Amino acid sequence: MDDNEIKAIMDKSWQDRARFEVNRDKMMREQAARETAPSEGGTVTLDMMVAEIIEAHPSAADYLVADWNMACISCPASQSETLREAAQVHELDPEDVCEALNDFLEDTAMIQAEELE
């Protein structure tokens, strides 16, 4: 086996390892998000997946677009991001976005409860 063959094998090994680590990290983020997925009326956290937040709270999508100019929130790529990652992509403070979103969801729930009375 010559040096070029050894180098090719080592390069492939590094590429495979990098792919594994990226996939492992994504799977770990998705599992953590599933474990902390918002329940009906539950508090949203920065580590939740955008798709799960919107599934549990459909009005969150409109709020994030209208109030935070996060227009790509419905883009398929953003659905595999956490709220923290989505805010950072838009150069927003993740803590501010999360706090405001929870306030919005709480206000919305209170309005809906009042309408039912």
PDB file of N, CA and C in Angstrom:
ATOM      1  N   MET A   1       0.866  -1.170   0.000  1.00  0.00           N
ATOM      2  CA  MET A   1       0.000   0.000   0.000  1.00  0.00           C
ATOM      3  C   MET A   1       0.912   1.232   0.000  1.00  0.00           C
ATOM      4  N   ASP A   2       0.664   2.133  -0.953  1.00  0.00           N
ATOM      5  CA  ASP A   2       1.512   3.327  -1.020  1.00  0.00           C
ATOM      6  C   ASP A   2       0.916   4.474  -0.198  1.00  0.00           C
ATOM      7  N   ASP A   3       1.661   5.557  -0.115  1.00  0.00           N
ATOM      8  CA  ASP A   3       1.246   6.702   0.709  1.00  0.00           C
ATOM      9  C   ASP A   3      -0.083   7.296   0.258  1.00  0.00           C
ATOM     10  N   ASN A   4      -0.338   7.340  -1.047  1.00  0.00           N
ATOM     11  CA  ASN A   4      -1.598   7.905  -1.554  1.00  0.00           C
ATOM     12  C   ASN A   4      -2.800   7.070  -1.125  1.00  0.00           C
ATOM     13  N   GLU A   5      -2.648   5.761  -1.149  1.00  0.00           N
ATOM     14  CA  GLU A   5      -3.740   4.883  -0.719  1.00  0.00           C
ATOM     15  C   GLU A   5      -4.007   5.037   0.779  1.00  0.00           C
ATOM     16  N   ILE A   6      -2.943   5.138   1.551  1.00  0.00           N
ATOM     17  CA  ILE A   6      -3.097   5.335   2.998  1.00  0.00           C
ATOM     18  C   ILE A   6      -3.781   6.667   3.274  1.00  0.00           C
ATOM     19  N   LYS A   7      -3.344   7.716   2.562  1.00  0.00           N
ATOM     20  CA  LYS A   7      -3.947   9.043   2.740  1.00  0.00           C
ATOM     21  C   LYS A   7      -5.433   9.015   2.374  1.00  0.00           C
ATOM     22  N   ALA A   8      -5.789   8.334   1.286  1.00  0.00           N
ATOM     23  CA  ALA A   8      -7.191   8.248   0.864  1.00  0.00           C
ATOM     24  C   ALA A   8      -8.037   7.538   1.926  1.00  0.00           C
ATOM     25  N   ILE A   9      -7.510   6.484   2.495  1.00  0.00           N
ATOM     26  CA  ILE A   9      -8.231   5.747   3.539  1.00  0.00           C
ATOM     27  C   ILE A   9      -8.407   6.625   4.776  1.00  0.00           C
ATOM     28  N   MET A  10      -7.360   7.340   5.156  1.00  0.00           N
ATOM     29  CA  MET A  10      -7.444   8.215   6.331  1.00  0.00           C
ATOM     30  C   MET A  10      -8.423   9.361   6.094  1.00  0.00           C
ATOM     31  N   ASP A  11      -8.406   9.946   4.874  1.00  0.00           N
ATOM     32  CA  ASP A  11      -9.340  11.030   4.554  1.00  0.00           C
ATOM     33  C   ASP A  11     -10.777  10.539   4.655  1.00  0.00           C
ATOM     34  N   LYS A  12     -11.048   9.354   4.101  1.00  0.00           N
ATOM     35  CA  LYS A  12     -12.403   8.796   4.160  1.00  0.00           C
ATOM     36  C   LYS A  12     -12.808   8.544   5.602  1.00  0.00           C
ATOM     37  N   SER A  13     -11.880   8.057   6.397  1.00  0.00           N
ATOM     38  CA  SER A  13     -12.169   7.796   7.802  1.00  0.00           C
ATOM     39  C   SER A  13     -12.541   9.085   8.531  1.00  0.00           C
ATOM     40  N   TRP A  14     -11.812  10.167   8.275  1.00  0.00           N
ATOM     41  CA  TRP A  14     -12.120  11.450   8.912  1.00  0.00           C
ATOM     42  C   TRP A  14     -13.468  11.982   8.449  1.00  0.00           C
ATOM     43  N   GLN A  15     -13.763  11.829   7.161  1.00  0.00           N
ATOM     44  CA  GLN A  15     -15.056  12.283   6.635  1.00  0.00           C
ATOM     45  C   GLN A  15     -16.197  11.502   7.279  1.00  0.00           C
ATOM     46  N   ASP A  16     -16.033  10.191   7.385  1.00  0.00           N
ATOM     47  CA  ASP A  16     -17.063   9.364   8.015  1.00  0.00           C
ATOM     48  C   ASP A  16     -17.263   9.763   9.476  1.00  0.00           C
ATOM     49  N   ARG A  17     -16.173  10.031  10.171  1.00  0.00           N
ATOM     50  CA  ARG A  17     -16.273  10.436  11.580  1.00  0.00           C
ATOM     51  C   ARG A  17     -16.995  11.781  11.707  1.00  0.00           C
ATOM     52  N   ALA A  18     -16.666  12.722  10.833  1.00  0.00           N
ATOM     53  CA  ALA A  18     -17.315  14.040  10.875  1.00  0.00           C
ATOM     54  C   ALA A  18     -18.813  13.900  10.619  1.00  0.00           C
ATOM     55  N   ARG A  19     -19.197  13.080   9.621  1.00  0.00           N
ATOM     56  CA  ARG A  19     -20.612  12.849   9.331  1.00  0.00           C
ATOM     57  C   ARG A  19     -21.318  12.227  10.526  1.00  0.00           C
ATOM     58  N   PHE A  20     -20.666  11.261  11.147  1.00  0.00           N
ATOM     59  CA  PHE A  20     -21.236  10.609  12.323  1.00  0.00           C
ATOM     60  C   PHE A  20     -21.480  11.623  13.432  1.00  0.00           C
ATOM     61  N   GLU A  21     -20.487  12.478  13.694  1.00  0.00           N
ATOM     62  CA  GLU A  21     -20.616  13.449  14.781  1.00  0.00           C
ATOM     63  C   GLU A  21     -21.729  14.452  14.509  1.00  0.00           C
ATOM     64  N   VAL A  22     -21.858  14.903  13.262  1.00  0.00           N
ATOM     65  CA  VAL A  22     -22.934  15.835  12.912  1.00  0.00           C
ATOM     66  C   VAL A  22     -24.285  15.166  13.120  1.00  0.00           C
ATOM     67  N   ASN A  23     -24.436  13.936  12.630  1.00  0.00           N
ATOM     68  CA  ASN A  23     -25.703  13.214  12.786  1.00  0.00           C
ATOM     69  C   ASN A  23     -25.997  12.913  14.250  1.00  0.00           C
ATOM     70  N   ARG A  24     -24.968  12.544  15.004  1.00  0.00           N
ATOM     71  CA  ARG A  24     -25.158  12.261  16.426  1.00  0.00           C
ATOM     72  C   ARG A  24     -25.630  13.515  17.160  1.00  0.00           C
ATOM     73  N   ASP A  25     -24.983  14.651  16.869  1.00  0.00           N
ATOM     74  CA  ASP A  25     -25.370  15.903  17.524  1.00  0.00           C
ATOM     75  C   ASP A  25     -26.808  16.275  17.184  1.00  0.00           C
ATOM     76  N   LYS A  26     -27.188  16.111  15.927  1.00  0.00           N
ATOM     77  CA  LYS A  26     -28.559  16.432  15.513  1.00  0.00           C
ATOM     78  C   LYS A  26     -29.552  15.522  16.234  1.00  0.00           C
ATOM     79  N   MET A  27     -29.244  14.230  16.307  1.00  0.00           N
ATOM     80  CA  MET A  27     -30.139  13.292  16.976  1.00  0.00           C
ATOM     81  C   MET A  27     -30.269  13.625  18.461  1.00  0.00           C
ATOM     82  N   MET A  28     -29.172  14.032  19.088  1.00  0.00           N
ATOM     83  CA  MET A  28     -29.221  14.371  20.513  1.00  0.00           C
ATOM     84  C   MET A  28     -30.068  15.624  20.740  1.00  0.00           C
ATOM     85  N   ARG A  29     -29.948  16.630  19.842  1.00  0.00           N
ATOM     86  CA  ARG A  29     -30.762  17.838  19.962  1.00  0.00           C
ATOM     87  C   ARG A  29     -32.233  17.507  19.788  1.00  0.00           C
ATOM     88  N   GLU A  30     -32.534  16.664  18.789  1.00  0.00           N
ATOM     89  CA  GLU A  30     -33.928  16.295  18.544  1.00  0.00           C
ATOM     90  C   GLU A  30     -34.506  15.518  19.725  1.00  0.00           C
ATOM     91  N   GLN A  31     -33.719  14.620  20.311  1.00  0.00           N
ATOM     92  CA  GLN A  31     -34.211  13.862  21.465  1.00  0.00           C
ATOM     93  C   GLN A  31     -34.448  14.789  22.650  1.00  0.00           C
ATOM     94  N   ALA A  32     -33.527  15.702  22.891  1.00  0.00           N
ATOM     95  CA  ALA A  32     -33.698  16.653  23.995  1.00  0.00           C
ATOM     96  C   ALA A  32     -34.938  17.500  23.769  1.00  0.00           C
ATOM     97  N   ALA A  33     -35.175  17.883  22.522  1.00  0.00           N
ATOM     98  CA  ALA A  33     -36.354  18.691  22.212  1.00  0.00           C
ATOM     99  C   ALA A  33     -37.635  17.890  22.440  1.00  0.00           C
ATOM    100  N   ARG A  34     -37.620  16.608  22.055  1.00  0.00           N
ATOM    101  CA  ARG A  34     -38.807  15.770  22.279  1.00  0.00           C
ATOM    102  C   ARG A  34     -39.097  15.636  23.772  1.00  0.00           C
ATOM    103  N   GLU A  35     -38.043  15.514  24.563  1.00  0.00           N
ATOM    104  CA  GLU A  35     -38.222  15.349  26.006  1.00  0.00           C
ATOM    105  C   GLU A  35     -38.748  16.615  26.668  1.00  0.00           C
ATOM    106  N   THR A  36     -38.511  17.762  26.030  1.00  0.00           N
ATOM    107  CA  THR A  36     -38.967  19.028  26.602  1.00  0.00           C
ATOM    108  C   THR A  36     -40.043  19.671  25.744  1.00  0.00           C
ATOM    109  N   ALA A  37     -40.676  18.889  24.877  1.00  0.00           N
ATOM    110  CA  ALA A  37     -41.698  19.442  23.983  1.00  0.00           C
ATOM    111  C   ALA A  37     -42.807  20.097  24.791  1.00  0.00           C
ATOM    112  N   PRO A  38     -43.281  21.228  24.304  1.00  0.00           N
ATOM    113  CA  PRO A  38     -44.322  21.928  25.057  1.00  0.00           C
ATOM    114  C   PRO A  38     -45.631  21.165  25.042  1.00  0.00           C
ATOM    115  N   SER A  39     -46.236  21.075  26.179  1.00  0.00           N
ATOM    116  CA  SER A  39     -47.572  20.499  26.238  1.00  0.00           C
ATOM    117  C   SER A  39     -48.558  21.631  26.015  1.00  0.00           C
ATOM    118  N   GLU A  40     -49.798  21.305  25.888  1.00  0.00           N
ATOM    119  CA  GLU A  40     -50.821  22.331  25.697  1.00  0.00           C
ATOM    120  C   GLU A  40     -50.709  23.355  26.818  1.00  0.00           C
ATOM    121  N   GLY A  41     -50.410  24.590  26.460  1.00  0.00           N
ATOM    122  CA  GLY A  41     -50.266  25.642  27.449  1.00  0.00           C
ATOM    123  C   GLY A  41     -48.941  25.606  28.191  1.00  0.00           C
ATOM    124  N   GLY A  42     -48.021  24.700  27.805  1.00  0.00           N
ATOM    125  CA  GLY A  42     -46.742  24.597  28.486  1.00  0.00           C
ATOM    126  C   GLY A  42     -45.795  25.724  28.117  1.00  0.00           C
ATOM    127  N   THR A  43     -44.784  25.881  28.925  1.00  0.00           N
ATOM    128  CA  THR A  43     -43.789  26.917  28.706  1.00  0.00           C
ATOM    129  C   THR A  43     -42.819  26.500  27.614  1.00  0.00           C
ATOM    130  N   VAL A  44     -42.517  27.426  26.726  1.00  0.00           N
ATOM    131  CA  VAL A  44     -41.558  27.199  25.651  1.00  0.00           C
ATOM    132  C   VAL A  44     -40.161  27.486  26.196  1.00  0.00           C
ATOM    133  N   THR A  45     -39.190  26.641  25.813  1.00  0.00           N
ATOM    134  CA  THR A  45     -37.798  26.867  26.205  1.00  0.00           C
ATOM    135  C   THR A  45     -36.939  27.014  24.960  1.00  0.00           C
ATOM    136  N   LEU A  46     -35.736  27.512  25.148  1.00  0.00           N
ATOM    137  CA  LEU A  46     -34.822  27.760  24.030  1.00  0.00           C
ATOM    138  C   LEU A  46     -34.390  26.482  23.327  1.00  0.00           C
ATOM    139  N   ASP A  47     -34.417  25.354  24.021  1.00  0.00           N
ATOM    140  CA  ASP A  47     -33.935  24.108  23.438  1.00  0.00           C
ATOM    141  C   ASP A  47     -35.017  23.303  22.728  1.00  0.00           C
ATOM    142  N   MET A  48     -36.215  23.843  22.651  1.00  0.00           N
ATOM    143  CA  MET A  48     -37.297  23.158  21.932  1.00  0.00           C
ATOM    144  C   MET A  48     -37.150  23.391  20.434  1.00  0.00           C
ATOM    145  N   MET A  49     -37.543  22.386  19.669  1.00  0.00           N
ATOM    146  CA  MET A  49     -37.515  22.500  18.214  1.00  0.00           C
ATOM    147  C   MET A  49     -38.645  23.424  17.768  1.00  0.00           C
ATOM    148  N   VAL A  50     -38.344  24.274  16.784  1.00  0.00           N
ATOM    149  CA  VAL A  50     -39.339  25.217  16.262  1.00  0.00           C
ATOM    150  C   VAL A  50     -40.583  24.463  15.799  1.00  0.00           C
ATOM    151  N   ALA A  51     -40.393  23.352  15.106  1.00  0.00           N
ATOM    152  CA  ALA A  51     -41.532  22.581  14.592  1.00  0.00           C
ATOM    153  C   ALA A  51     -42.448  22.126  15.725  1.00  0.00           C
ATOM    154  N   GLU A  52     -41.881  21.704  16.831  1.00  0.00           N
ATOM    155  CA  GLU A  52     -42.691  21.234  17.957  1.00  0.00           C
ATOM    156  C   GLU A  52     -43.410  22.385  18.654  1.00  0.00           C
ATOM    157  N   ILE A  53     -42.759  23.537  18.712  1.00  0.00           N
ATOM    158  CA  ILE A  53     -43.412  24.710  19.306  1.00  0.00           C
ATOM    159  C   ILE A  53     -44.630  25.085  18.477  1.00  0.00           C
ATOM    160  N   ILE A  54     -44.451  25.130  17.159  1.00  0.00           N
ATOM    161  CA  ILE A  54     -45.545  25.528  16.269  1.00  0.00           C
ATOM    162  C   ILE A  54     -46.655  24.482  16.271  1.00  0.00           C
ATOM    163  N   GLU A  55     -46.279  23.215  16.377  1.00  0.00           N
ATOM    164  CA  GLU A  55     -47.298  22.162  16.437  1.00  0.00           C
ATOM    165  C   GLU A  55     -48.158  22.311  17.692  1.00  0.00           C
ATOM    166  N   ALA A  56     -47.519  22.611  18.817  1.00  0.00           N
ATOM    167  CA  ALA A  56     -48.255  22.759  20.076  1.00  0.00           C
ATOM    168  C   ALA A  56     -48.962  24.103  20.173  1.00  0.00           C
ATOM    169  N   HIS A  57     -48.387  25.119  19.545  1.00  0.00           N
ATOM    170  CA  HIS A  57     -48.914  26.492  19.624  1.00  0.00           C
ATOM    171  C   HIS A  57     -48.912  27.105  18.220  1.00  0.00           C
ATOM    172  N   PRO A  58     -49.886  26.794  17.373  1.00  0.00           N
ATOM    173  CA  PRO A  58     -49.891  27.285  15.990  1.00  0.00           C
ATOM    174  C   PRO A  58     -49.776  28.802  15.865  1.00  0.00           C
ATOM    175  N   SER A  59     -50.313  29.541  16.823  1.00  0.00           N
ATOM    176  CA  SER A  59     -50.238  31.004  16.745  1.00  0.00           C
ATOM    177  C   SER A  59     -48.807  31.511  16.926  1.00  0.00           C
ATOM    178  N   ALA A  60     -47.919  30.669  17.416  1.00  0.00           N
ATOM    179  CA  ALA A  60     -46.521  31.078  17.607  1.00  0.00           C
ATOM    180  C   ALA A  60     -45.863  31.439  16.282  1.00  0.00           C
ATOM    181  N   ALA A  61     -46.219  30.739  15.212  1.00  0.00           N
ATOM    182  CA  ALA A  61     -45.614  31.028  13.905  1.00  0.00           C
ATOM    183  C   ALA A  61     -45.947  32.445  13.460  1.00  0.00           C
ATOM    184  N   ASP A  62     -47.224  32.811  13.519  1.00  0.00           N
ATOM    185  CA  ASP A  62     -47.624  34.166  13.119  1.00  0.00           C
ATOM    186  C   ASP A  62     -46.973  35.216  14.010  1.00  0.00           C
ATOM    187  N   TYR A  63     -46.899  34.935  15.296  1.00  0.00           N
ATOM    188  CA  TYR A  63     -46.279  35.882  16.230  1.00  0.00           C
ATOM    189  C   TYR A  63     -44.803  36.094  15.890  1.00  0.00           C
ATOM    190  N   LEU A  64     -44.067  35.010  15.667  1.00  0.00           N
ATOM    191  CA  LEU A  64     -42.640  35.130  15.378  1.00  0.00           C
ATOM    192  C   LEU A  64     -42.389  35.873  14.068  1.00  0.00           C
ATOM    193  N   VAL A  65     -43.278  35.688  13.101  1.00  0.00           N
ATOM    194  CA  VAL A  65     -43.145  36.411  11.832  1.00  0.00           C
ATOM    195  C   VAL A  65     -43.480  37.882  12.029  1.00  0.00           C
ATOM    196  N   ALA A  66     -44.615  38.170  12.641  1.00  0.00           N
ATOM    197  CA  ALA A  66     -45.095  39.548  12.758  1.00  0.00           C
ATOM    198  C   ALA A  66     -44.266  40.390  13.725  1.00  0.00           C
ATOM    199  N   ASP A  67     -43.934  39.840  14.874  1.00  0.00           N
ATOM    200  CA  ASP A  67     -43.270  40.641  15.903  1.00  0.00           C
ATOM    201  C   ASP A  67     -41.743  40.554  15.887  1.00  0.00           C
ATOM    202  N   TRP A  68     -41.208  39.492  15.329  1.00  0.00           N
ATOM    203  CA  TRP A  68     -39.756  39.316  15.341  1.00  0.00           C
ATOM    204  C   TRP A  68     -39.153  39.226  13.943  1.00  0.00           C
ATOM    205  N   ASN A  69     -39.976  39.400  12.919  1.00  0.00           N
ATOM    206  CA  ASN A  69     -39.520  39.370  11.526  1.00  0.00           C
ATOM    207  C   ASN A  69     -38.777  38.072  11.187  1.00  0.00           C
ATOM    208  N   MET A  70     -39.223  36.978  11.774  1.00  0.00           N
ATOM    209  CA  MET A  70     -38.625  35.674  11.504  1.00  0.00           C
ATOM    210  C   MET A  70     -39.440  34.996  10.401  1.00  0.00           C
ATOM    211  N   ALA A  71     -39.413  35.601   9.216  1.00  0.00           N
ATOM    212  CA  ALA A  71     -40.263  35.173   8.111  1.00  0.00           C
ATOM    213  C   ALA A  71     -39.995  33.745   7.653  1.00  0.00           C
ATOM    214  N   CYS A  72     -38.799  33.260   7.853  1.00  0.00           N
ATOM    215  CA  CYS A  72     -38.502  31.903   7.367  1.00  0.00           C
ATOM    216  C   CYS A  72     -38.850  30.838   8.406  1.00  0.00           C
ATOM    217  N   ILE A  73     -39.627  31.204   9.407  1.00  0.00           N
ATOM    218  CA  ILE A  73     -39.971  30.269  10.479  1.00  0.00           C
ATOM    219  C   ILE A  73     -40.740  29.057   9.944  1.00  0.00           C
ATOM    220  N   SER A  74     -41.435  29.232   8.829  1.00  0.00           N
ATOM    221  CA  SER A  74     -42.174  28.109   8.247  1.00  0.00           C
ATOM    222  C   SER A  74     -41.356  27.370   7.194  1.00  0.00           C
ATOM    223  N   CYS A  75     -40.144  27.803   6.949  1.00  0.00           N
ATOM    224  CA  CYS A  75     -39.246  27.150   5.992  1.00  0.00           C
ATOM    225  C   CYS A  75     -38.899  25.753   6.510  1.00  0.00           C
ATOM    226  N   PRO A  76     -38.858  24.755   5.642  1.00  0.00           N
ATOM    227  CA  PRO A  76     -38.550  23.396   6.101  1.00  0.00           C
ATOM    228  C   PRO A  76     -37.237  23.295   6.884  1.00  0.00           C
ATOM    229  N   ALA A  77     -36.225  24.053   6.496  1.00  0.00           N
ATOM    230  CA  ALA A  77     -34.936  23.973   7.193  1.00  0.00           C
ATOM    231  C   ALA A  77     -35.056  24.451   8.634  1.00  0.00           C
ATOM    232  N   SER A  78     -35.874  25.463   8.860  1.00  0.00           N
ATOM    233  CA  SER A  78     -35.993  26.002  10.218  1.00  0.00           C
ATOM    234  C   SER A  78     -36.711  25.037  11.152  1.00  0.00           C
ATOM    235  N   GLN A  79     -37.411  24.083  10.596  1.00  0.00           N
ATOM    236  CA  GLN A  79     -38.163  23.146  11.425  1.00  0.00           C
ATOM    237  C   GLN A  79     -37.257  22.182  12.184  1.00  0.00           C
ATOM    238  N   SER A  80     -35.999  22.082  11.760  1.00  0.00           N
ATOM    239  CA  SER A  80     -35.064  21.211  12.478  1.00  0.00           C
ATOM    240  C   SER A  80     -34.128  22.021  13.368  1.00  0.00           C
ATOM    241  N   GLU A  81     -34.499  23.276  13.635  1.00  0.00           N
ATOM    242  CA  GLU A  81     -33.711  24.133  14.515  1.00  0.00           C
ATOM    243  C   GLU A  81     -34.417  24.284  15.859  1.00  0.00           C
ATOM    244  N   THR A  82     -33.625  24.553  16.866  1.00  0.00           N
ATOM    245  CA  THR A  82     -34.204  24.918  18.151  1.00  0.00           C
ATOM    246  C   THR A  82     -34.585  26.392  18.086  1.00  0.00           C
ATOM    247  N   LEU A  83     -35.373  26.841  19.043  1.00  0.00           N
ATOM    248  CA  LEU A  83     -35.732  28.260  19.092  1.00  0.00           C
ATOM    249  C   LEU A  83     -34.474  29.107  19.237  1.00  0.00           C
ATOM    250  N   ARG A  84     -33.527  28.640  20.025  1.00  0.00           N
ATOM    251  CA  ARG A  84     -32.263  29.357  20.201  1.00  0.00           C
ATOM    252  C   ARG A  84     -31.555  29.536  18.852  1.00  0.00           C
ATOM    253  N   GLU A  85     -31.438  28.452  18.084  1.00  0.00           N
ATOM    254  CA  GLU A  85     -30.753  28.516  16.792  1.00  0.00           C
ATOM    255  C   GLU A  85     -31.485  29.433  15.819  1.00  0.00           C
ATOM    256  N   ALA A  86     -32.812  29.350  15.796  1.00  0.00           N
ATOM    257  CA  ALA A  86     -33.595  30.198  14.891  1.00  0.00           C
ATOM    258  C   ALA A  86     -33.402  31.672  15.232  1.00  0.00           C
ATOM    259  N   ALA A  87     -33.393  32.001  16.514  1.00  0.00           N
ATOM    260  CA  ALA A  87     -33.181  33.397  16.926  1.00  0.00           C
ATOM    261  C   ALA A  87     -31.780  33.859  16.539  1.00  0.00           C
ATOM    262  N   GLN A  88     -30.794  33.017  16.758  1.00  0.00           N
ATOM    263  CA  GLN A  88     -29.418  33.389  16.436  1.00  0.00           C
ATOM    264  C   GLN A  88     -29.225  33.607  14.944  1.00  0.00           C
ATOM    265  N   VAL A  89     -29.877  32.802  14.113  1.00  0.00           N
ATOM    266  CA  VAL A  89     -29.792  32.979  12.662  1.00  0.00           C
ATOM    267  C   VAL A  89     -30.280  34.368  12.270  1.00  0.00           C
ATOM    268  N   HIS A  90     -31.269  34.871  12.996  1.00  0.00           N
ATOM    269  CA  HIS A  90     -31.834  36.197  12.709  1.00  0.00           C
ATOM    270  C   HIS A  90     -31.161  37.305  13.525  1.00  0.00           C
ATOM    271  N   GLU A  91     -30.048  36.953  14.169  1.00  0.00           N
ATOM    272  CA  GLU A  91     -29.282  37.908  14.977  1.00  0.00           C
ATOM    273  C   GLU A  91     -30.140  38.555  16.067  1.00  0.00           C
ATOM    274  N   LEU A  92     -30.991  37.726  16.670  1.00  0.00           N
ATOM    275  CA  LEU A  92     -31.848  38.166  17.770  1.00  0.00           C
ATOM    276  C   LEU A  92     -31.346  37.542  19.065  1.00  0.00           C
ATOM    277  N   ASP A  93     -31.636  38.195  20.169  1.00  0.00           N
ATOM    278  CA  ASP A  93     -31.278  37.637  21.469  1.00  0.00           C
ATOM    279  C   ASP A  93     -32.251  36.498  21.778  1.00  0.00           C
ATOM    280  N   PRO A  94     -31.755  35.260  21.835  1.00  0.00           N
ATOM    281  CA  PRO A  94     -32.647  34.114  22.063  1.00  0.00           C
ATOM    282  C   PRO A  94     -33.481  34.230  23.336  1.00  0.00           C
ATOM    283  N   GLU A  95     -32.882  34.730  24.408  1.00  0.00           N
ATOM    284  CA  GLU A  95     -33.609  34.875  25.677  1.00  0.00           C
ATOM    285  C   GLU A  95     -34.790  35.829  25.521  1.00  0.00           C
ATOM    286  N   ASP A  96     -34.570  36.952  24.813  1.00  0.00           N
ATOM    287  CA  ASP A  96     -35.646  37.926  24.596  1.00  0.00           C
ATOM    288  C   ASP A  96     -36.787  37.312  23.794  1.00  0.00           C
ATOM    289  N   VAL A  97     -36.431  36.576  22.727  1.00  0.00           N
ATOM    290  CA  VAL A  97     -37.448  35.951  21.879  1.00  0.00           C
ATOM    291  C   VAL A  97     -38.257  34.944  22.691  1.00  0.00           C
ATOM    292  N   CYS A  98     -37.578  34.108  23.453  1.00  0.00           N
ATOM    293  CA  CYS A  98     -38.253  33.070  24.240  1.00  0.00           C
ATOM    294  C   CYS A  98     -39.179  33.686  25.286  1.00  0.00           C
ATOM    295  N   GLU A  99     -38.689  34.689  25.995  1.00  0.00           N
ATOM    296  CA  GLU A  99     -39.502  35.337  27.023  1.00  0.00           C
ATOM    297  C   GLU A  99     -40.735  36.003  26.408  1.00  0.00           C
ATOM    298  N   ALA A 100     -40.533  36.714  25.303  1.00  0.00           N
ATOM    299  CA  ALA A 100     -41.654  37.393  24.648  1.00  0.00           C
ATOM    300  C   ALA A 100     -42.656  36.387  24.084  1.00  0.00           C
ATOM    301  N   LEU A 101     -42.160  35.287  23.527  1.00  0.00           N
ATOM    302  CA  LEU A 101     -43.052  34.260  22.988  1.00  0.00           C
ATOM    303  C   LEU A 101     -43.896  33.655  24.110  1.00  0.00           C
ATOM    304  N   ASN A 102     -43.287  33.362  25.241  1.00  0.00           N
ATOM    305  CA  ASN A 102     -44.049  32.822  26.372  1.00  0.00           C
ATOM    306  C   ASN A 102     -45.078  33.822  26.877  1.00  0.00           C
ATOM    307  N   ASP A 103     -44.714  35.105  26.919  1.00  0.00           N
ATOM    308  CA  ASP A 103     -45.681  36.139  27.316  1.00  0.00           C
ATOM    309  C   ASP A 103     -46.856  36.176  26.343  1.00  0.00           C
ATOM    310  N   PHE A 104     -46.540  36.123  25.040  1.00  0.00           N
ATOM    311  CA  PHE A 104     -47.586  36.122  24.014  1.00  0.00           C
ATOM    312  C   PHE A 104     -48.510  34.920  24.187  1.00  0.00           C
ATOM    313  N   LEU A 105     -47.927  33.743  24.373  1.00  0.00           N
ATOM    314  CA  LEU A 105     -48.736  32.528  24.517  1.00  0.00           C
ATOM    315  C   LEU A 105     -49.597  32.578  25.778  1.00  0.00           C
ATOM    316  N   GLU A 106     -49.055  33.132  26.842  1.00  0.00           N
ATOM    317  CA  GLU A 106     -49.828  33.269  28.082  1.00  0.00           C
ATOM    318  C   GLU A 106     -50.990  34.241  27.878  1.00  0.00           C
ATOM    319  N   ASP A 107     -50.711  35.378  27.228  1.00  0.00           N
ATOM    320  CA  ASP A 107     -51.773  36.357  26.951  1.00  0.00           C
ATOM    321  C   ASP A 107     -52.854  35.754  26.062  1.00  0.00           C
ATOM    322  N   THR A 108     -52.429  35.011  25.047  1.00  0.00           N
ATOM    323  CA  THR A 108     -53.373  34.371  24.127  1.00  0.00           C
ATOM    324  C   THR A 108     -54.253  33.372  24.875  1.00  0.00           C
ATOM    325  N   ALA A 109     -53.648  32.594  25.757  1.00  0.00           N
ATOM    326  CA  ALA A 109     -54.409  31.611  26.543  1.00  0.00           C
ATOM    327  C   ALA A 109     -55.414  32.305  27.451  1.00  0.00           C
ATOM    328  N   MET A 110     -55.019  33.434  28.041  1.00  0.00           N
ATOM    329  CA  MET A 110     -55.936  34.172  28.921  1.00  0.00           C
ATOM    330  C   MET A 110     -57.111  34.734  28.128  1.00  0.00           C
ATOM    331  N   ILE A 111     -56.834  35.259  26.941  1.00  0.00           N
ATOM    332  CA  ILE A 111     -57.905  35.803  26.094  1.00  0.00           C
ATOM    333  C   ILE A 111     -58.875  34.694  25.704  1.00  0.00           C
ATOM    334  N   GLN A 112     -58.326  33.538  25.311  1.00  0.00           N
ATOM    335  CA  GLN A 112     -59.182  32.417  24.926  1.00  0.00           C
ATOM    336  C   GLN A 112     -60.018  31.944  26.107  1.00  0.00           C
ATOM    337  N   ALA A 113     -59.442  31.927  27.292  1.00  0.00           N
ATOM    338  CA  ALA A 113     -60.188  31.509  28.484  1.00  0.00           C
ATOM    339  C   ALA A 113     -61.319  32.486  28.782  1.00  0.00           C
ATOM    340  N   GLU A 114     -61.061  33.772  28.622  1.00  0.00           N
ATOM    341  CA  GLU A 114     -62.096  34.785  28.859  1.00  0.00           C
ATOM    342  C   GLU A 114     -63.229  34.659  27.847  1.00  0.00           C
ATOM    343  N   GLU A 115     -62.882  34.319  26.602  1.00  0.00           N
ATOM    344  CA  GLU A 115     -63.906  34.173  25.565  1.00  0.00           C
ATOM    345  C   GLU A 115     -64.817  32.990  25.853  1.00  0.00           C
ATOM    346  N   LEU A 116     -64.306  31.991  26.544  1.00  0.00           N
ATOM    347  CA  LEU A 116     -65.106  30.807  26.864  1.00  0.00           C
ATOM    348  C   LEU A 116     -66.056  31.048  28.030  1.00  0.00           C
ATOM    349  N   GLU A 117     -65.785  32.075  28.817  1.00  0.00           N
ATOM    350  CA  GLU A 117     -66.627  32.350  29.992  1.00  0.00           C
ATOM    351  C   GLU A 117     -67.939  32.968  29.606  1.00  0.00           C
TER     352      GLU A 117
END
